[in-house]
Amino acid sequence: MKPLNLKHVTFGMMALIIIGVLVWQGITANGAPDPSAANITPTTAMLNTSILVFREGLEAILVLSAITAGLIRSKKDSWKPIFVGSGISLFLTLVTWFVVVGIISLAENTTSELNIQAATGLLANIVLLIIMNWFFHKIYWTGWISLHNKKRRQITDVPSEMNPGAAASYWSLAVIGLTSIYREGFEVVLFLQNLRLQVGSYVILLGALIGLFFTGIVAILTFVGHQKLPYKKMLIITGVLLVMVLLVMTGETAQEMQLAGWIPKTELDLKIPDWMGLWFSLFPTAETLIAQGFAFVFVVGSYVFLQYIRIWKPKLAQKLKS
């Protein structure tokens, strides 16, 4: 009998938990949510939140693992301040959440709720487009890791006689951990505001806790169990899910901008069921469909362009030379 594979057991547990959450939601809601109701469903908002939080948490783990690689073996104490800074960044992310919520609450006193939802929705889509833009993401994410690795080496690899002091080195490494994780948290805070305005903070909290739970499992396997997880496959899967989230958010934001009078509303002679509008934000208007098409082409086109520059073009050049 073959021993159980820890990675397979872990992913199996994740799948069972997701199914359990959906069943629990269905029971507590007395069945599936009514697809004819107005606005996005709490289930959709919760799943969107958990997907985004897990995706950003996965990237944060990859950044930390890249920065601390070798430190745990060669410099036993150097990795500790980096994780201390990461913990501080989680606290600052929570503070940022309340600050942003407060700013939006103040804005509600000077403008209509539709304008607030349209503005936060537009901001959320810009953030998500940046996250999903493969070309830009490849540059700024890889560069982000390289920058922090360079700073870390400048602190840990200097000769002892040139060391600025234990306290200075400790807090320098802590700042590296803080900035590497806070960026991910800041993106999440901005993205979730539009969903919060639609379904409330409680649903967003549940989704965030689900995402953090799965992130915690990956973190434990990575930093405690020292397991080599299939990060690339995990990023691809969550990336595909985020594309779906992006399309839903784009359609929802475009409709909110129409309701707020920011953009026109051109009705099309298309028979799209109401439940498609609720679950997938597909509406029979030219503006919403064009916005969703642009978002899809923008993300997929960036990925195709990057593949051409990095893989297809060099191969074509090699063939021409031969």
C-alpha atoms as a PDB file:
ATOM      1  CA  MET A   1       0.000   0.000   0.000  1.00  0.00           C
ATOM      2  CA  LYS A   2       1.445   3.335  -1.083  1.00  0.00           C
ATOM      3  CA  PRO A   3       1.806   6.034   1.598  1.00  0.00           C
ATOM      4  CA  LEU A   4      -0.533   8.992   1.304  1.00  0.00           C
ATOM      5  CA  ASN A   5       0.891  11.959  -0.566  1.00  0.00           C
ATOM      6  CA  LEU A   6       0.755  15.037   1.674  1.00  0.00           C
ATOM      7  CA  LYS A   7       0.068  17.367  -1.243  1.00  0.00           C
ATOM      8  CA  HIS A   8      -2.798  15.230  -2.556  1.00  0.00           C
ATOM      9  CA  VAL A   9      -4.310  14.994   0.928  1.00  0.00           C
ATOM     10  CA  THR A  10      -4.034  18.775   1.334  1.00  0.00           C
ATOM     11  CA  PHE A  11      -5.712  19.585  -1.969  1.00  0.00           C
ATOM     12  CA  GLY A  12      -8.404  16.999  -1.224  1.00  0.00           C
ATOM     13  CA  MET A  13      -9.099  18.685   2.108  1.00  0.00           C
ATOM     14  CA  MET A  14      -9.307  22.090   0.374  1.00  0.00           C
ATOM     15  CA  ALA A  15     -11.864  20.747  -2.114  1.00  0.00           C
ATOM     16  CA  LEU A  16     -13.968  19.191   0.661  1.00  0.00           C
ATOM     17  CA  ILE A  17     -13.923  22.441   2.635  1.00  0.00           C
ATOM     18  CA  ILE A  18     -15.075  24.441  -0.405  1.00  0.00           C
ATOM     19  CA  ILE A  19     -17.916  21.984  -0.994  1.00  0.00           C
ATOM     20  CA  GLY A  20     -18.789  22.138   2.695  1.00  0.00           C
ATOM     21  CA  VAL A  21     -18.949  25.936   2.620  1.00  0.00           C
ATOM     22  CA  LEU A  22     -21.272  25.876  -0.398  1.00  0.00           C
ATOM     23  CA  VAL A  23     -23.550  23.272   1.219  1.00  0.00           C
ATOM     24  CA  TRP A  24     -23.594  25.270   4.463  1.00  0.00           C
ATOM     25  CA  GLN A  25     -24.487  28.425   2.584  1.00  0.00           C
ATOM     26  CA  GLY A  26     -27.257  26.634   0.746  1.00  0.00           C
ATOM     27  CA  ILE A  27     -28.755  25.277   3.981  1.00  0.00           C
ATOM     28  CA  THR A  28     -28.580  28.584   5.824  1.00  0.00           C
ATOM     29  CA  ALA A  29     -30.131  30.383   2.833  1.00  0.00           C
ATOM     30  CA  ASN A  30     -32.946  27.779   2.666  1.00  0.00           C
ATOM     31  CA  GLY A  31     -31.626  26.562  -0.649  1.00  0.00           C
ATOM     32  CA  ALA A  32     -29.812  28.286  -3.475  1.00  0.00           C
ATOM     33  CA  PRO A  33     -30.004  32.095  -3.543  1.00  0.00           C
ATOM     34  CA  ASP A  34     -32.803  33.517  -5.648  1.00  0.00           C
ATOM     35  CA  PRO A  35     -31.246  34.349  -9.050  1.00  0.00           C
ATOM     36  CA  SER A  36     -33.976  36.877  -9.803  1.00  0.00           C
ATOM     37  CA  ALA A  37     -33.036  39.122  -6.876  1.00  0.00           C
ATOM     38  CA  ALA A  38     -31.376  42.467  -7.501  1.00  0.00           C
ATOM     39  CA  ASN A  39     -27.636  42.996  -7.154  1.00  0.00           C
ATOM     40  CA  ILE A  40     -24.859  40.436  -6.794  1.00  0.00           C
ATOM     41  CA  THR A  41     -25.562  37.432  -4.557  1.00  0.00           C
ATOM     42  CA  PRO A  42     -23.755  37.055  -1.227  1.00  0.00           C
ATOM     43  CA  THR A  43     -22.419  33.672  -2.369  1.00  0.00           C
ATOM     44  CA  THR A  44     -20.863  35.165  -5.497  1.00  0.00           C
ATOM     45  CA  ALA A  45     -19.349  38.024  -3.492  1.00  0.00           C
ATOM     46  CA  MET A  46     -17.992  35.607  -0.874  1.00  0.00           C
ATOM     47  CA  LEU A  47     -16.405  33.335  -3.478  1.00  0.00           C
ATOM     48  CA  ASN A  48     -14.936  36.316  -5.368  1.00  0.00           C
ATOM     49  CA  THR A  49     -13.453  37.582  -2.111  1.00  0.00           C
ATOM     50  CA  SER A  50     -11.973  34.219  -1.136  1.00  0.00           C
ATOM     51  CA  ILE A  51     -10.457  33.712  -4.603  1.00  0.00           C
ATOM     52  CA  LEU A  52      -8.806  37.127  -4.594  1.00  0.00           C
ATOM     53  CA  VAL A  53      -7.516  36.829  -1.023  1.00  0.00           C
ATOM     54  CA  PHE A  54      -6.102  33.363  -1.713  1.00  0.00           C
ATOM     55  CA  ARG A  55      -4.513  34.502  -4.968  1.00  0.00           C
ATOM     56  CA  GLU A  56      -2.812  37.482  -3.338  1.00  0.00           C
ATOM     57  CA  GLY A  57      -1.876  35.354  -0.326  1.00  0.00           C
ATOM     58  CA  LEU A  58      -0.288  32.781  -2.626  1.00  0.00           C
ATOM     59  CA  GLU A  59       1.798  35.479  -4.282  1.00  0.00           C
ATOM     60  CA  ALA A  60       2.807  36.839  -0.875  1.00  0.00           C
ATOM     61  CA  ILE A  61       4.015  33.372   0.133  1.00  0.00           C
ATOM     62  CA  LEU A  62       6.032  33.077  -3.072  1.00  0.00           C
ATOM     63  CA  VAL A  63       7.643  36.463  -2.419  1.00  0.00           C
ATOM     64  CA  LEU A  64       8.529  35.500   1.161  1.00  0.00           C
ATOM     65  CA  SER A  65       9.852  32.087   0.137  1.00  0.00           C
ATOM     66  CA  ALA A  66      12.052  33.699  -2.517  1.00  0.00           C
ATOM     67  CA  ILE A  67      13.396  36.306  -0.096  1.00  0.00           C
ATOM     68  CA  THR A  68      14.057  33.859   2.743  1.00  0.00           C
ATOM     69  CA  ALA A  69      15.454  31.053   0.573  1.00  0.00           C
ATOM     70  CA  GLY A  70      18.863  30.194   1.959  1.00  0.00           C
ATOM     71  CA  LEU A  71      18.499  32.396   5.025  1.00  0.00           C
ATOM     72  CA  ILE A  72      16.880  29.625   7.053  1.00  0.00           C
ATOM     73  CA  ARG A  73      19.826  27.341   6.341  1.00  0.00           C
ATOM     74  CA  SER A  74      22.758  29.757   6.260  1.00  0.00           C
ATOM     75  CA  LYS A  75      21.711  32.538   8.660  1.00  0.00           C
ATOM     76  CA  LYS A  76      19.431  31.060  11.276  1.00  0.00           C
ATOM     77  CA  ASP A  77      18.232  34.360  12.732  1.00  0.00           C
ATOM     78  CA  SER A  78      18.071  36.521   9.591  1.00  0.00           C
ATOM     79  CA  TRP A  79      14.691  35.236   8.438  1.00  0.00           C
ATOM     80  CA  LYS A  80      12.915  36.047  11.712  1.00  0.00           C
ATOM     81  CA  PRO A  81      12.684  39.862  11.296  1.00  0.00           C
ATOM     82  CA  ILE A  82      11.362  39.359   7.766  1.00  0.00           C
ATOM     83  CA  PHE A  83       8.430  37.388   9.147  1.00  0.00           C
ATOM     84  CA  VAL A  84       7.993  39.949  11.933  1.00  0.00           C
ATOM     85  CA  GLY A  85       7.657  42.647   9.261  1.00  0.00           C
ATOM     86  CA  SER A  86       5.149  40.452   7.416  1.00  0.00           C
ATOM     87  CA  GLY A  87       3.061  40.234  10.582  1.00  0.00           C
ATOM     88  CA  ILE A  88       3.145  44.003  10.967  1.00  0.00           C
ATOM     89  CA  SER A  89       2.004  44.354   7.349  1.00  0.00           C
ATOM     90  CA  LEU A  90      -1.108  42.287   8.123  1.00  0.00           C
ATOM     91  CA  PHE A  91      -1.953  44.704  10.942  1.00  0.00           C
ATOM     92  CA  LEU A  92      -1.367  47.706   8.666  1.00  0.00           C
ATOM     93  CA  THR A  93      -3.592  46.128   6.025  1.00  0.00           C
ATOM     94  CA  LEU A  94      -6.383  45.905   8.604  1.00  0.00           C
ATOM     95  CA  VAL A  95      -5.816  49.559   9.544  1.00  0.00           C
ATOM     96  CA  THR A  96      -5.883  50.510   5.853  1.00  0.00           C
ATOM     97  CA  TRP A  97      -9.231  48.741   5.490  1.00  0.00           C
ATOM     98  CA  PHE A  98     -10.841  50.893   8.179  1.00  0.00           C
ATOM     99  CA  VAL A  99      -9.219  54.061   6.809  1.00  0.00           C
ATOM    100  CA  VAL A 100     -10.551  53.391   3.303  1.00  0.00           C
ATOM    101  CA  VAL A 101     -13.997  52.504   4.699  1.00  0.00           C
ATOM    102  CA  GLY A 102     -13.957  55.774   6.651  1.00  0.00           C
ATOM    103  CA  ILE A 103     -13.028  57.790   3.562  1.00  0.00           C
ATOM    104  CA  ILE A 104     -15.848  56.182   1.575  1.00  0.00           C
ATOM    105  CA  SER A 105     -18.286  56.885   4.433  1.00  0.00           C
ATOM    106  CA  LEU A 106     -17.306  60.566   4.388  1.00  0.00           C
ATOM    107  CA  ALA A 107     -17.771  60.662   0.623  1.00  0.00           C
ATOM    108  CA  GLU A 108     -21.299  59.269   1.029  1.00  0.00           C
ATOM    109  CA  ASN A 109     -22.259  62.550   2.729  1.00  0.00           C
ATOM    110  CA  THR A 110     -21.363  64.574  -0.358  1.00  0.00           C
ATOM    111  CA  THR A 111     -22.473  62.382  -3.261  1.00  0.00           C
ATOM    112  CA  SER A 112     -25.003  59.686  -4.129  1.00  0.00           C
ATOM    113  CA  GLU A 113     -24.595  55.988  -3.368  1.00  0.00           C
ATOM    114  CA  LEU A 114     -24.611  55.214  -7.109  1.00  0.00           C
ATOM    115  CA  ASN A 115     -21.624  57.517  -7.641  1.00  0.00           C
ATOM    116  CA  ILE A 116     -19.771  55.834  -4.770  1.00  0.00           C
ATOM    117  CA  GLN A 117     -20.429  52.347  -6.140  1.00  0.00           C
ATOM    118  CA  ALA A 118     -19.441  53.385  -9.651  1.00  0.00           C
ATOM    119  CA  ALA A 119     -16.203  54.963  -8.424  1.00  0.00           C
ATOM    120  CA  THR A 120     -15.209  52.057  -6.179  1.00  0.00           C
ATOM    121  CA  GLY A 121     -16.162  49.586  -8.910  1.00  0.00           C
ATOM    122  CA  LEU A 122     -13.984  51.411 -11.426  1.00  0.00           C
ATOM    123  CA  LEU A 123     -11.073  51.440  -8.964  1.00  0.00           C
ATOM    124  CA  ALA A 124     -11.568  47.720  -8.263  1.00  0.00           C
ATOM    125  CA  ASN A 125     -11.463  46.922 -11.970  1.00  0.00           C
ATOM    126  CA  ILE A 126      -8.277  48.940 -12.478  1.00  0.00           C
ATOM    127  CA  VAL A 127      -6.629  47.062  -9.600  1.00  0.00           C
ATOM    128  CA  LEU A 128      -7.817  43.707 -10.909  1.00  0.00           C
ATOM    129  CA  LEU A 129      -6.690  44.510 -14.457  1.00  0.00           C
ATOM    130  CA  ILE A 130      -3.220  45.261 -13.079  1.00  0.00           C
ATOM    131  CA  ILE A 131      -3.236  41.977 -11.168  1.00  0.00           C
ATOM    132  CA  MET A 132      -4.373  40.032 -14.234  1.00  0.00           C
ATOM    133  CA  ASN A 133      -2.243  41.836 -16.832  1.00  0.00           C
ATOM    134  CA  TRP A 134       0.291  39.106 -17.488  1.00  0.00           C
ATOM    135  CA  PHE A 135       2.812  41.308 -19.268  1.00  0.00           C
ATOM    136  CA  PHE A 136       2.901  44.050 -16.651  1.00  0.00           C
ATOM    137  CA  HIS A 137       2.506  41.513 -13.847  1.00  0.00           C
ATOM    138  CA  LYS A 138       5.521  39.532 -15.050  1.00  0.00           C
ATOM    139  CA  ILE A 139       7.635  42.678 -14.972  1.00  0.00           C
ATOM    140  CA  TYR A 140       6.514  44.276 -11.724  1.00  0.00           C
ATOM    141  CA  TRP A 141       6.071  41.037  -9.765  1.00  0.00           C
ATOM    142  CA  THR A 142       9.425  39.512 -10.781  1.00  0.00           C
ATOM    143  CA  GLY A 143      11.090  42.895 -10.354  1.00  0.00           C
ATOM    144  CA  TRP A 144       9.455  43.237  -6.941  1.00  0.00           C
ATOM    145  CA  ILE A 145      11.040  39.965  -5.792  1.00  0.00           C
ATOM    146  CA  SER A 146      14.411  40.913  -7.276  1.00  0.00           C
ATOM    147  CA  LEU A 147      14.337  44.307  -5.561  1.00  0.00           C
ATOM    148  CA  HIS A 148      13.670  42.794  -2.151  1.00  0.00           C
ATOM    149  CA  ASN A 149      16.263  40.076  -2.672  1.00  0.00           C
ATOM    150  CA  LYS A 150      18.824  42.745  -3.539  1.00  0.00           C
ATOM    151  CA  LYS A 151      17.996  44.739  -0.404  1.00  0.00           C
ATOM    152  CA  ARG A 152      18.113  41.600   1.708  1.00  0.00           C
ATOM    153  CA  ARG A 153      21.574  40.678   0.369  1.00  0.00           C
ATOM    154  CA  GLN A 154      22.839  44.197   1.026  1.00  0.00           C
ATOM    155  CA  ILE A 155      21.940  43.742   4.690  1.00  0.00           C
ATOM    156  CA  THR A 156      22.832  40.106   5.317  1.00  0.00           C
ATOM    157  CA  ASP A 157      25.920  39.718   3.136  1.00  0.00           C
ATOM    158  CA  VAL A 158      27.939  42.691   4.367  1.00  0.00           C
ATOM    159  CA  PRO A 159      31.074  41.923   6.435  1.00  0.00           C
ATOM    160  CA  SER A 160      30.576  42.040  10.211  1.00  0.00           C
ATOM    161  CA  GLU A 161      32.911  45.009  10.603  1.00  0.00           C
ATOM    162  CA  MET A 162      30.728  47.030   8.186  1.00  0.00           C
ATOM    163  CA  ASN A 163      27.435  45.974   9.781  1.00  0.00           C
ATOM    164  CA  PRO A 164      25.484  49.069  10.930  1.00  0.00           C
ATOM    165  CA  GLY A 165      24.400  47.300  14.096  1.00  0.00           C
ATOM    166  CA  ALA A 166      22.176  44.440  15.131  1.00  0.00           C
ATOM    167  CA  ALA A 167      19.141  46.631  15.788  1.00  0.00           C
ATOM    168  CA  ALA A 168      19.456  48.476  12.468  1.00  0.00           C
ATOM    169  CA  SER A 169      19.875  45.209  10.551  1.00  0.00           C
ATOM    170  CA  TYR A 170      16.903  43.666  12.322  1.00  0.00           C
ATOM    171  CA  TRP A 171      14.530  46.506  11.474  1.00  0.00           C
ATOM    172  CA  SER A 172      15.901  46.808   7.932  1.00  0.00           C
ATOM    173  CA  LEU A 173      14.973  43.172   7.324  1.00  0.00           C
ATOM    174  CA  ALA A 174      11.606  43.749   9.020  1.00  0.00           C
ATOM    175  CA  VAL A 175      10.882  46.596   6.594  1.00  0.00           C
ATOM    176  CA  ILE A 176      11.649  44.271   3.677  1.00  0.00           C
ATOM    177  CA  GLY A 177       9.093  41.782   4.983  1.00  0.00           C
ATOM    178  CA  LEU A 178       6.575  44.543   5.627  1.00  0.00           C
ATOM    179  CA  THR A 179       6.751  46.167   2.185  1.00  0.00           C
ATOM    180  CA  SER A 180       6.758  42.846   0.329  1.00  0.00           C
ATOM    181  CA  ILE A 181       3.437  41.795   1.902  1.00  0.00           C
ATOM    182  CA  TYR A 182       1.686  45.132   2.421  1.00  0.00           C
ATOM    183  CA  ARG A 183       1.486  45.705  -1.327  1.00  0.00           C
ATOM    184  CA  GLU A 184      -0.651  42.579  -1.684  1.00  0.00           C
ATOM    185  CA  GLY A 185      -2.852  43.622   1.250  1.00  0.00           C
ATOM    186  CA  PHE A 186      -3.334  47.123  -0.134  1.00  0.00           C
ATOM    187  CA  GLU A 187      -4.531  45.709  -3.456  1.00  0.00           C
ATOM    188  CA  VAL A 188      -7.026  43.465  -1.672  1.00  0.00           C
ATOM    189  CA  VAL A 189      -8.388  46.383   0.378  1.00  0.00           C
ATOM    190  CA  LEU A 190      -9.024  48.480  -2.726  1.00  0.00           C
ATOM    191  CA  PHE A 191     -10.568  45.627  -4.652  1.00  0.00           C
ATOM    192  CA  LEU A 192     -13.030  44.557  -1.967  1.00  0.00           C
ATOM    193  CA  GLN A 193     -14.622  47.954  -1.346  1.00  0.00           C
ATOM    194  CA  ASN A 194     -17.117  47.686  -4.181  1.00  0.00           C
ATOM    195  CA  LEU A 195     -18.219  44.240  -3.035  1.00  0.00           C
ATOM    196  CA  ARG A 196     -18.549  45.539   0.538  1.00  0.00           C
ATOM    197  CA  LEU A 197     -20.890  48.298  -0.599  1.00  0.00           C
ATOM    198  CA  GLN A 198     -23.099  45.731  -2.335  1.00  0.00           C
ATOM    199  CA  VAL A 199     -23.310  42.879   0.178  1.00  0.00           C
ATOM    200  CA  GLY A 200     -21.961  44.284   3.458  1.00  0.00           C
ATOM    201  CA  SER A 201     -18.885  43.689   5.571  1.00  0.00           C
ATOM    202  CA  TYR A 202     -20.029  40.372   7.083  1.00  0.00           C
ATOM    203  CA  VAL A 203     -20.090  38.517   3.755  1.00  0.00           C
ATOM    204  CA  ILE A 204     -16.726  39.987   2.785  1.00  0.00           C
ATOM    205  CA  LEU A 205     -15.306  38.900   6.150  1.00  0.00           C
ATOM    206  CA  LEU A 206     -16.451  35.308   5.551  1.00  0.00           C
ATOM    207  CA  GLY A 207     -14.884  35.274   2.094  1.00  0.00           C
ATOM    208  CA  ALA A 208     -11.644  36.759   3.409  1.00  0.00           C
ATOM    209  CA  LEU A 209     -11.471  34.164   6.199  1.00  0.00           C
ATOM    210  CA  ILE A 210     -11.910  31.351   3.665  1.00  0.00           C
ATOM    211  CA  GLY A 211      -9.119  32.778   1.506  1.00  0.00           C
ATOM    212  CA  LEU A 212      -6.863  33.279   4.534  1.00  0.00           C
ATOM    213  CA  PHE A 213      -7.551  29.714   5.695  1.00  0.00           C
ATOM    214  CA  PHE A 214      -6.275  28.236   2.443  1.00  0.00           C
ATOM    215  CA  THR A 215      -3.379  30.704   2.413  1.00  0.00           C
ATOM    216  CA  GLY A 216      -2.478  29.558   5.927  1.00  0.00           C
ATOM    217  CA  ILE A 217      -2.417  25.911   4.794  1.00  0.00           C
ATOM    218  CA  VAL A 218      -0.039  26.740   1.948  1.00  0.00           C
ATOM    219  CA  ALA A 219       2.128  28.846   4.287  1.00  0.00           C
ATOM    220  CA  ILE A 220       2.394  26.001   6.815  1.00  0.00           C
ATOM    221  CA  LEU A 221       3.314  23.481   4.127  1.00  0.00           C
ATOM    222  CA  THR A 222       5.881  25.907   2.675  1.00  0.00           C
ATOM    223  CA  PHE A 223       7.609  27.310   5.750  1.00  0.00           C
ATOM    224  CA  VAL A 224       6.987  24.599   8.353  1.00  0.00           C
ATOM    225  CA  GLY A 225       6.636  21.415   6.320  1.00  0.00           C
ATOM    226  CA  HIS A 226       9.145  22.584   3.660  1.00  0.00           C
ATOM    227  CA  GLN A 227       6.949  21.064   0.955  1.00  0.00           C
ATOM    228  CA  LYS A 228       7.550  21.896  -2.700  1.00  0.00           C
ATOM    229  CA  LEU A 229       4.034  22.691  -3.836  1.00  0.00           C
ATOM    230  CA  PRO A 230       3.004  23.059  -7.508  1.00  0.00           C
ATOM    231  CA  TYR A 231       2.918  26.860  -7.283  1.00  0.00           C
ATOM    232  CA  LYS A 232       2.818  27.344 -11.054  1.00  0.00           C
ATOM    233  CA  LYS A 233      -0.276  25.164 -11.449  1.00  0.00           C
ATOM    234  CA  MET A 234      -1.908  26.836  -8.471  1.00  0.00           C
ATOM    235  CA  LEU A 235      -1.264  30.281  -9.947  1.00  0.00           C
ATOM    236  CA  ILE A 236      -2.687  29.195 -13.303  1.00  0.00           C
ATOM    237  CA  ILE A 237      -5.856  27.798 -11.703  1.00  0.00           C
ATOM    238  CA  THR A 238      -6.428  30.867  -9.531  1.00  0.00           C
ATOM    239  CA  GLY A 239      -5.578  33.062 -12.521  1.00  0.00           C
ATOM    240  CA  VAL A 240      -8.354  31.458 -14.570  1.00  0.00           C
ATOM    241  CA  LEU A 241     -10.772  31.964 -11.690  1.00  0.00           C
ATOM    242  CA  LEU A 242      -9.720  35.610 -11.430  1.00  0.00           C
ATOM    243  CA  VAL A 243     -10.430  36.111 -15.133  1.00  0.00           C
ATOM    244  CA  MET A 244     -14.008  35.036 -14.412  1.00  0.00           C
ATOM    245  CA  VAL A 245     -14.120  37.391 -11.427  1.00  0.00           C
ATOM    246  CA  LEU A 246     -12.766  40.190 -13.627  1.00  0.00           C
ATOM    247  CA  LEU A 247     -15.501  39.715 -16.233  1.00  0.00           C
ATOM    248  CA  VAL A 248     -18.220  39.730 -13.562  1.00  0.00           C
ATOM    249  CA  MET A 249     -16.779  42.838 -11.900  1.00  0.00           C
ATOM    250  CA  THR A 250     -16.394  44.638 -15.232  1.00  0.00           C
ATOM    251  CA  GLY A 251     -20.009  44.019 -16.219  1.00  0.00           C
ATOM    252  CA  GLU A 252     -21.231  45.033 -12.764  1.00  0.00           C
ATOM    253  CA  THR A 253     -19.148  48.219 -12.768  1.00  0.00           C
ATOM    254  CA  ALA A 254     -20.272  49.202 -16.262  1.00  0.00           C
ATOM    255  CA  GLN A 255     -23.916  48.809 -15.204  1.00  0.00           C
ATOM    256  CA  GLU A 256     -23.303  50.891 -12.064  1.00  0.00           C
ATOM    257  CA  MET A 257     -21.715  53.604 -14.194  1.00  0.00           C
ATOM    258  CA  GLN A 258     -24.802  53.555 -16.415  1.00  0.00           C
ATOM    259  CA  LEU A 259     -27.110  53.888 -13.414  1.00  0.00           C
ATOM    260  CA  ALA A 260     -24.994  56.774 -12.111  1.00  0.00           C
ATOM    261  CA  GLY A 261     -25.182  58.494 -15.503  1.00  0.00           C
ATOM    262  CA  TRP A 262     -21.443  58.280 -16.161  1.00  0.00           C
ATOM    263  CA  ILE A 263     -21.821  56.417 -19.462  1.00  0.00           C
ATOM    264  CA  PRO A 264     -24.770  55.973 -21.854  1.00  0.00           C
ATOM    265  CA  LYS A 265     -26.973  52.877 -22.002  1.00  0.00           C
ATOM    266  CA  THR A 266     -27.512  51.373 -25.439  1.00  0.00           C
ATOM    267  CA  GLU A 267     -30.030  48.521 -25.314  1.00  0.00           C
ATOM    268  CA  LEU A 268     -29.406  45.558 -27.631  1.00  0.00           C
ATOM    269  CA  ASP A 269     -31.970  43.145 -29.005  1.00  0.00           C
ATOM    270  CA  LEU A 270     -30.490  40.199 -27.107  1.00  0.00           C
ATOM    271  CA  LYS A 271     -32.391  37.765 -24.919  1.00  0.00           C
ATOM    272  CA  ILE A 272     -30.162  37.401 -21.857  1.00  0.00           C
ATOM    273  CA  PRO A 273     -31.948  35.828 -18.841  1.00  0.00           C
ATOM    274  CA  ASP A 274     -32.084  37.848 -15.650  1.00  0.00           C
ATOM    275  CA  TRP A 275     -30.133  35.170 -13.754  1.00  0.00           C
ATOM    276  CA  MET A 276     -27.212  35.632 -16.187  1.00  0.00           C
ATOM    277  CA  GLY A 277     -27.116  39.279 -15.182  1.00  0.00           C
ATOM    278  CA  LEU A 278     -27.161  38.380 -11.501  1.00  0.00           C
ATOM    279  CA  TRP A 279     -24.560  35.620 -11.500  1.00  0.00           C
ATOM    280  CA  PHE A 280     -22.300  36.708 -14.387  1.00  0.00           C
ATOM    281  CA  SER A 281     -23.172  40.409 -14.892  1.00  0.00           C
ATOM    282  CA  LEU A 282     -24.160  39.794 -18.510  1.00  0.00           C
ATOM    283  CA  PHE A 283     -26.586  42.529 -19.566  1.00  0.00           C
ATOM    284  CA  PRO A 284     -28.074  43.252 -23.033  1.00  0.00           C
ATOM    285  CA  THR A 285     -26.362  46.625 -23.418  1.00  0.00           C
ATOM    286  CA  ALA A 286     -23.540  47.555 -25.768  1.00  0.00           C
ATOM    287  CA  GLU A 287     -21.490  49.334 -23.091  1.00  0.00           C
ATOM    288  CA  THR A 288     -21.389  46.449 -20.592  1.00  0.00           C
ATOM    289  CA  LEU A 289     -20.573  43.811 -23.211  1.00  0.00           C
ATOM    290  CA  ILE A 290     -17.895  46.000 -24.829  1.00  0.00           C
ATOM    291  CA  ALA A 291     -16.311  46.634 -21.421  1.00  0.00           C
ATOM    292  CA  GLN A 292     -16.220  42.899 -20.663  1.00  0.00           C
ATOM    293  CA  GLY A 293     -14.813  42.141 -24.097  1.00  0.00           C
ATOM    294  CA  PHE A 294     -12.111  44.783 -23.645  1.00  0.00           C
ATOM    295  CA  ALA A 295     -11.138  43.380 -20.244  1.00  0.00           C
ATOM    296  CA  PHE A 296     -10.886  39.848 -21.633  1.00  0.00           C
ATOM    297  CA  VAL A 297      -8.870  40.898 -24.682  1.00  0.00           C
ATOM    298  CA  PHE A 298      -6.631  43.115 -22.535  1.00  0.00           C
ATOM    299  CA  VAL A 299      -5.702  40.293 -20.168  1.00  0.00           C
ATOM    300  CA  VAL A 300      -5.448  37.469 -22.704  1.00  0.00           C
ATOM    301  CA  GLY A 301      -3.740  39.738 -25.238  1.00  0.00           C
ATOM    302  CA  SER A 302      -1.103  40.728 -22.697  1.00  0.00           C
ATOM    303  CA  TYR A 303      -0.429  37.057 -21.967  1.00  0.00           C
ATOM    304  CA  VAL A 304      -0.180  36.192 -25.678  1.00  0.00           C
ATOM    305  CA  PHE A 305       2.139  39.150 -26.285  1.00  0.00           C
ATOM    306  CA  LEU A 306       4.400  38.067 -23.424  1.00  0.00           C
ATOM    307  CA  GLN A 307       4.494  34.499 -24.730  1.00  0.00           C
ATOM    308  CA  TYR A 308       5.445  35.831 -28.158  1.00  0.00           C
ATOM    309  CA  ILE A 309       8.275  37.977 -26.788  1.00  0.00           C
ATOM    310  CA  ARG A 310       9.652  35.365 -24.370  1.00  0.00           C
ATOM    311  CA  ILE A 311       9.079  32.075 -26.213  1.00  0.00           C
ATOM    312  CA  TRP A 312       7.672  32.186 -29.721  1.00  0.00           C
ATOM    313  CA  LYS A 313       9.852  34.980 -31.132  1.00  0.00           C
ATOM    314  CA  PRO A 314      13.185  33.446 -29.925  1.00  0.00           C
ATOM    315  CA  LYS A 315      12.140  30.049 -31.326  1.00  0.00           C
ATOM    316  CA  LEU A 316      11.201  31.633 -34.661  1.00  0.00           C
ATOM    317  CA  ALA A 317      14.542  33.477 -34.751  1.00  0.00           C
ATOM    318  CA  GLN A 318      16.376  30.229 -33.996  1.00  0.00           C
ATOM    319  CA  LYS A 319      14.577  28.435 -36.818  1.00  0.00           C
ATOM    320  CA  LEU A 320      15.431  31.205 -39.290  1.00  0.00           C
ATOM    321  CA  LYS A 321      19.096  31.014 -38.323  1.00  0.00           C
ATOM    322  CA  SER A 322      19.175  27.276 -38.798  1.00  0.00           C
END
